[in-house]
Amino acid sequence: MNRLSVAEYQEADKLPLVVVLDNIRSQHNVGAVFRTADAMRIERVVLCGICCCPPNQEIHKTALGAEESVEWQYFEHTLDAVKALQKEGFSVYAVEQAHDSITLEEAAVKVQRDKVQSTKVAVVLGHEVFGVQQEVIDQCSQCIEIPQYGTKHSMNVSVTAGIVMYRLASSLRRATKK
């Protein structure tokens, strides 16, 4: 199936995309994000606050080993993680329904169009009930929202992460030709 070994994966070029998890309480959601991050070959996952960290059996149940291939780091405070990423040259976006948010599609087009300025993108996904902390939203460049057309106005955080990673990874691949 032409899969990389963990060692080959770790040496392979990654997309300049980072996913920041802001106080995600479910270890299964954390594991699912690792698994999708591996599939998209993104740069890393940043765990913050109450997020549990590998090694962890519950993360492993959904990550299926991706927690061993995907680079990750931990910050006690999400705001510190966002500021550190900005110092590294990342444009940081909160994935949140907010006034003046842009759609995921608009964000993806912006990433591809603005490739000359920066192709380093980070997205912050928030707590399953409370979302991204307001102080974190205030530090981000903008909010990205996935349009929803049903009766619910939220999705599971790991599902949201998968949708966002796939769409932005597609744009980054076109912008960086990886």
C-alpha atoms as a PDB file:
ATOM      1  CA  MET A   1       0.000   0.000   0.000  1.00  0.00           C
ATOM      2  CA  ASN A   2       3.082   2.212  -0.288  1.00  0.00           C
ATOM      3  CA  ARG A   3       2.995   3.306   3.368  1.00  0.00           C
ATOM      4  CA  LEU A   4       5.933   4.938   5.064  1.00  0.00           C
ATOM      5  CA  SER A   5       7.557   3.409   8.118  1.00  0.00           C
ATOM      6  CA  VAL A   6       7.587   5.572  11.251  1.00  0.00           C
ATOM      7  CA  ALA A   7      11.256   6.379  10.617  1.00  0.00           C
ATOM      8  CA  GLU A   8      10.569   7.287   6.962  1.00  0.00           C
ATOM      9  CA  TYR A   9       7.603   9.418   8.032  1.00  0.00           C
ATOM     10  CA  GLN A  10       9.685  11.307  10.568  1.00  0.00           C
ATOM     11  CA  GLU A  11      12.299  12.084   7.887  1.00  0.00           C
ATOM     12  CA  ALA A  12       9.766  13.017   5.187  1.00  0.00           C
ATOM     13  CA  ASP A  13       8.913  16.614   4.305  1.00  0.00           C
ATOM     14  CA  LYS A  14       5.862  17.868   6.174  1.00  0.00           C
ATOM     15  CA  LEU A  15       3.302  20.479   5.281  1.00  0.00           C
ATOM     16  CA  PRO A  16       3.764  23.756   7.169  1.00  0.00           C
ATOM     17  CA  LEU A  17       0.519  23.179   9.068  1.00  0.00           C
ATOM     18  CA  VAL A  18       0.208  22.898  12.852  1.00  0.00           C
ATOM     19  CA  VAL A  19      -2.902  21.912  14.801  1.00  0.00           C
ATOM     20  CA  VAL A  20      -3.222  23.356  18.303  1.00  0.00           C
ATOM     21  CA  LEU A  21      -5.639  21.654  20.690  1.00  0.00           C
ATOM     22  CA  ASP A  22      -6.935  24.070  23.326  1.00  0.00           C
ATOM     23  CA  ASN A  23      -8.037  22.060  26.379  1.00  0.00           C
ATOM     24  CA  ILE A  24      -9.498  19.047  24.562  1.00  0.00           C
ATOM     25  CA  ARG A  25     -10.785  16.753  27.290  1.00  0.00           C
ATOM     26  CA  SER A  26     -11.420  13.566  25.297  1.00  0.00           C
ATOM     27  CA  GLN A  27      -8.371  11.381  24.844  1.00  0.00           C
ATOM     28  CA  HIS A  28     -10.136   9.746  21.893  1.00  0.00           C
ATOM     29  CA  ASN A  29     -10.496  13.129  20.163  1.00  0.00           C
ATOM     30  CA  VAL A  30      -6.794  13.799  20.743  1.00  0.00           C
ATOM     31  CA  GLY A  31      -5.943  10.402  19.259  1.00  0.00           C
ATOM     32  CA  ALA A  32      -8.160  10.990  16.236  1.00  0.00           C
ATOM     33  CA  VAL A  33      -6.402  14.306  15.572  1.00  0.00           C
ATOM     34  CA  PHE A  34      -3.018  12.546  15.672  1.00  0.00           C
ATOM     35  CA  ARG A  35      -4.235   9.937  13.206  1.00  0.00           C
ATOM     36  CA  THR A  36      -5.533  12.547  10.752  1.00  0.00           C
ATOM     37  CA  ALA A  37      -2.387  14.643  11.214  1.00  0.00           C
ATOM     38  CA  ASP A  38      -0.344  11.593  10.182  1.00  0.00           C
ATOM     39  CA  ALA A  39      -2.550  11.004   7.143  1.00  0.00           C
ATOM     40  CA  MET A  40      -2.145  14.629   6.014  1.00  0.00           C
ATOM     41  CA  ARG A  41       1.586  14.648   6.918  1.00  0.00           C
ATOM     42  CA  ILE A  42       1.348  17.937   8.789  1.00  0.00           C
ATOM     43  CA  GLU A  43       4.218  19.441  10.751  1.00  0.00           C
ATOM     44  CA  ARG A  44       2.998  18.842  14.296  1.00  0.00           C
ATOM     45  CA  VAL A  45       0.237  18.788  16.885  1.00  0.00           C
ATOM     46  CA  VAL A  46       0.403  21.114  19.881  1.00  0.00           C
ATOM     47  CA  LEU A  47      -1.393  19.959  23.017  1.00  0.00           C
ATOM     48  CA  CYS A  48      -2.420  22.577  25.584  1.00  0.00           C
ATOM     49  CA  GLY A  49      -3.965  22.754  29.020  1.00  0.00           C
ATOM     50  CA  ILE A  50      -5.989  19.721  30.047  1.00  0.00           C
ATOM     51  CA  CYS A  51      -5.120  17.753  26.895  1.00  0.00           C
ATOM     52  CA  CYS A  52      -3.506  14.463  27.767  1.00  0.00           C
ATOM     53  CA  CYS A  53      -0.187  13.644  26.133  1.00  0.00           C
ATOM     54  CA  PRO A  54       1.356  10.493  24.690  1.00  0.00           C
ATOM     55  CA  PRO A  55       2.159   7.881  25.693  1.00  0.00           C
ATOM     56  CA  ASN A  56      -1.428   7.179  26.661  1.00  0.00           C
ATOM     57  CA  GLN A  57      -3.457   4.030  26.025  1.00  0.00           C
ATOM     58  CA  GLU A  58      -6.686   5.956  25.312  1.00  0.00           C
ATOM     59  CA  ILE A  59      -4.953   8.198  22.764  1.00  0.00           C
ATOM     60  CA  HIS A  60      -3.422   5.088  21.193  1.00  0.00           C
ATOM     61  CA  LYS A  61      -6.878   3.477  20.737  1.00  0.00           C
ATOM     62  CA  THR A  62      -7.793   6.065  18.103  1.00  0.00           C
ATOM     63  CA  ALA A  63      -4.347   7.231  16.975  1.00  0.00           C
ATOM     64  CA  LEU A  64      -3.273   3.639  16.215  1.00  0.00           C
ATOM     65  CA  GLY A  65       0.399   4.591  16.505  1.00  0.00           C
ATOM     66  CA  ALA A  66       0.227   8.025  14.852  1.00  0.00           C
ATOM     67  CA  GLU A  67       1.198   9.515  18.194  1.00  0.00           C
ATOM     68  CA  GLU A  68       4.599   7.906  17.577  1.00  0.00           C
ATOM     69  CA  SER A  69       5.058   9.325  14.064  1.00  0.00           C
ATOM     70  CA  VAL A  70       3.621  12.843  14.375  1.00  0.00           C
ATOM     71  CA  GLU A  71       5.751  15.403  16.183  1.00  0.00           C
ATOM     72  CA  TRP A  72       3.986  16.974  19.129  1.00  0.00           C
ATOM     73  CA  GLN A  73       4.646  19.406  21.928  1.00  0.00           C
ATOM     74  CA  TYR A  74       2.856  20.526  25.066  1.00  0.00           C
ATOM     75  CA  PHE A  75       2.142  23.995  26.469  1.00  0.00           C
ATOM     76  CA  GLU A  76       0.369  24.555  29.746  1.00  0.00           C
ATOM     77  CA  HIS A  77      -1.279  27.677  28.327  1.00  0.00           C
ATOM     78  CA  THR A  78      -2.676  27.837  24.797  1.00  0.00           C
ATOM     79  CA  LEU A  79      -1.922  31.549  24.543  1.00  0.00           C
ATOM     80  CA  ASP A  80       1.783  30.767  25.022  1.00  0.00           C
ATOM     81  CA  ALA A  81       1.602  28.211  22.210  1.00  0.00           C
ATOM     82  CA  VAL A  82      -0.041  30.715  19.860  1.00  0.00           C
ATOM     83  CA  LYS A  83       2.555  33.386  20.620  1.00  0.00           C
ATOM     84  CA  ALA A  84       5.394  30.883  20.087  1.00  0.00           C
ATOM     85  CA  LEU A  85       3.954  29.848  16.705  1.00  0.00           C
ATOM     86  CA  GLN A  86       3.590  33.478  15.665  1.00  0.00           C
ATOM     87  CA  LYS A  87       7.268  34.040  16.538  1.00  0.00           C
ATOM     88  CA  GLU A  88       8.068  31.097  14.242  1.00  0.00           C
ATOM     89  CA  GLY A  89       6.255  32.901  11.412  1.00  0.00           C
ATOM     90  CA  PHE A  90       2.944  31.033  11.495  1.00  0.00           C
ATOM     91  CA  SER A  91      -0.344  32.706  10.675  1.00  0.00           C
ATOM     92  CA  VAL A  92      -2.601  31.409  13.457  1.00  0.00           C
ATOM     93  CA  TYR A  93      -6.344  30.988  13.048  1.00  0.00           C
ATOM     94  CA  ALA A  94      -8.944  29.936  15.605  1.00  0.00           C
ATOM     95  CA  VAL A  95     -11.548  27.493  14.334  1.00  0.00           C
ATOM     96  CA  GLU A  96     -14.584  29.040  15.943  1.00  0.00           C
ATOM     97  CA  GLN A  97     -17.961  30.522  15.133  1.00  0.00           C
ATOM     98  CA  ALA A  98     -17.470  34.225  15.751  1.00  0.00           C
ATOM     99  CA  HIS A  99     -18.401  37.646  14.479  1.00  0.00           C
ATOM    100  CA  ASP A 100     -16.348  38.393  11.339  1.00  0.00           C
ATOM    101  CA  SER A 101     -15.159  34.796  10.923  1.00  0.00           C
ATOM    102  CA  ILE A 102     -14.331  33.624   7.415  1.00  0.00           C
ATOM    103  CA  THR A 103     -15.413  30.321   5.942  1.00  0.00           C
ATOM    104  CA  LEU A 104     -12.979  27.445   5.673  1.00  0.00           C
ATOM    105  CA  GLU A 105     -13.135  27.787   1.903  1.00  0.00           C
ATOM    106  CA  GLU A 106     -12.199  31.485   2.109  1.00  0.00           C
ATOM    107  CA  ALA A 107      -9.308  30.592   4.410  1.00  0.00           C
ATOM    108  CA  ALA A 108      -8.095  27.880   2.044  1.00  0.00           C
ATOM    109  CA  VAL A 109      -8.173  30.266  -0.927  1.00  0.00           C
ATOM    110  CA  LYS A 110      -6.346  32.889   1.162  1.00  0.00           C
ATOM    111  CA  VAL A 111      -3.634  30.360   2.096  1.00  0.00           C
ATOM    112  CA  GLN A 112      -3.096  29.444  -1.534  1.00  0.00           C
ATOM    113  CA  ARG A 113      -3.245  33.035  -2.798  1.00  0.00           C
ATOM    114  CA  ASP A 114      -0.965  34.497  -0.118  1.00  0.00           C
ATOM    115  CA  LYS A 115       1.761  31.877  -0.534  1.00  0.00           C
ATOM    116  CA  VAL A 116       4.319  34.605  -1.226  1.00  0.00           C
ATOM    117  CA  GLN A 117       3.764  36.123   2.240  1.00  0.00           C
ATOM    118  CA  SER A 118       3.639  32.949   4.318  1.00  0.00           C
ATOM    119  CA  THR A 119       2.585  29.387   3.856  1.00  0.00           C
ATOM    120  CA  LYS A 120       3.027  28.514   7.532  1.00  0.00           C
ATOM    121  CA  VAL A 121      -0.442  28.043   9.001  1.00  0.00           C
ATOM    122  CA  ALA A 122      -1.618  26.986  12.455  1.00  0.00           C
ATOM    123  CA  VAL A 123      -5.190  26.339  13.523  1.00  0.00           C
ATOM    124  CA  VAL A 124      -6.499  26.283  17.077  1.00  0.00           C
ATOM    125  CA  LEU A 125      -9.371  23.966  17.949  1.00  0.00           C
ATOM    126  CA  GLY A 126     -11.116  24.374  21.280  1.00  0.00           C
ATOM    127  CA  HIS A 127     -12.705  22.506  24.143  1.00  0.00           C
ATOM    128  CA  GLU A 128     -15.624  20.250  23.212  1.00  0.00           C
ATOM    129  CA  VAL A 129     -18.153  22.387  25.119  1.00  0.00           C
ATOM    130  CA  PHE A 130     -16.594  25.834  25.555  1.00  0.00           C
ATOM    131  CA  GLY A 131     -14.636  26.182  22.307  1.00  0.00           C
ATOM    132  CA  VAL A 132     -11.475  28.236  21.905  1.00  0.00           C
ATOM    133  CA  GLN A 133     -10.721  30.552  24.829  1.00  0.00           C
ATOM    134  CA  GLN A 134     -11.525  34.205  24.081  1.00  0.00           C
ATOM    135  CA  GLU A 135      -8.009  35.382  24.960  1.00  0.00           C
ATOM    136  CA  VAL A 136      -6.681  32.923  22.381  1.00  0.00           C
ATOM    137  CA  ILE A 137      -9.174  34.071  19.746  1.00  0.00           C
ATOM    138  CA  ASP A 138      -8.085  37.658  20.405  1.00  0.00           C
ATOM    139  CA  GLN A 139      -4.440  36.718  19.690  1.00  0.00           C
ATOM    140  CA  CYS A 140      -5.234  34.896  16.431  1.00  0.00           C
ATOM    141  CA  SER A 141      -5.246  36.476  12.981  1.00  0.00           C
ATOM    142  CA  GLN A 142      -8.849  35.536  12.332  1.00  0.00           C
ATOM    143  CA  CYS A 143     -11.494  32.902  13.006  1.00  0.00           C
ATOM    144  CA  ILE A 144     -12.289  30.174  10.506  1.00  0.00           C
ATOM    145  CA  GLU A 145     -15.776  28.708  10.467  1.00  0.00           C
ATOM    146  CA  ILE A 146     -17.148  25.625   8.736  1.00  0.00           C
ATOM    147  CA  PRO A 147     -20.591  26.560   7.354  1.00  0.00           C
ATOM    148  CA  GLN A 148     -23.315  24.350   8.811  1.00  0.00           C
ATOM    149  CA  TYR A 149     -26.811  23.981   7.447  1.00  0.00           C
ATOM    150  CA  GLY A 150     -28.643  21.703   9.880  1.00  0.00           C
ATOM    151  CA  THR A 151     -30.215  22.157  13.272  1.00  0.00           C
ATOM    152  CA  LYS A 152     -26.917  21.787  15.160  1.00  0.00           C
ATOM    153  CA  HIS A 153     -24.321  24.507  15.155  1.00  0.00           C
ATOM    154  CA  SER A 154     -21.327  22.460  16.194  1.00  0.00           C
ATOM    155  CA  MET A 155     -19.478  19.299  15.229  1.00  0.00           C
ATOM    156  CA  ASN A 156     -17.229  16.923  17.112  1.00  0.00           C
ATOM    157  CA  VAL A 157     -13.785  18.503  17.462  1.00  0.00           C
ATOM    158  CA  SER A 158     -11.974  15.587  15.825  1.00  0.00           C
ATOM    159  CA  VAL A 159     -14.358  15.705  12.852  1.00  0.00           C
ATOM    160  CA  THR A 160     -13.827  19.457  12.579  1.00  0.00           C
ATOM    161  CA  ALA A 161     -10.060  18.965  12.793  1.00  0.00           C
ATOM    162  CA  GLY A 162     -10.205  16.415   9.981  1.00  0.00           C
ATOM    163  CA  ILE A 163     -12.198  18.691   7.703  1.00  0.00           C
ATOM    164  CA  VAL A 164      -9.966  21.687   8.411  1.00  0.00           C
ATOM    165  CA  MET A 165      -6.716  19.715   8.041  1.00  0.00           C
ATOM    166  CA  TYR A 166      -7.812  18.176   4.751  1.00  0.00           C
ATOM    167  CA  ARG A 167      -8.915  21.469   3.190  1.00  0.00           C
ATOM    168  CA  LEU A 168      -5.932  23.505   4.332  1.00  0.00           C
ATOM    169  CA  ALA A 169      -3.502  20.694   3.508  1.00  0.00           C
ATOM    170  CA  SER A 170      -4.884  20.624  -0.034  1.00  0.00           C
ATOM    171  CA  SER A 171      -4.289  24.373  -0.399  1.00  0.00           C
ATOM    172  CA  LEU A 172      -0.828  24.173   1.130  1.00  0.00           C
ATOM    173  CA  ARG A 173       0.124  21.319  -1.210  1.00  0.00           C
ATOM    174  CA  ARG A 174      -0.854  23.471  -4.173  1.00  0.00           C
ATOM    175  CA  ALA A 175       0.908  26.535  -2.746  1.00  0.00           C
ATOM    176  CA  THR A 176       4.110  24.720  -1.806  1.00  0.00           C
ATOM    177  CA  LYS A 177       3.898  21.957  -4.448  1.00  0.00           C
ATOM    178  CA  LYS A 178       4.526  19.148  -1.896  1.00  0.00           C
END
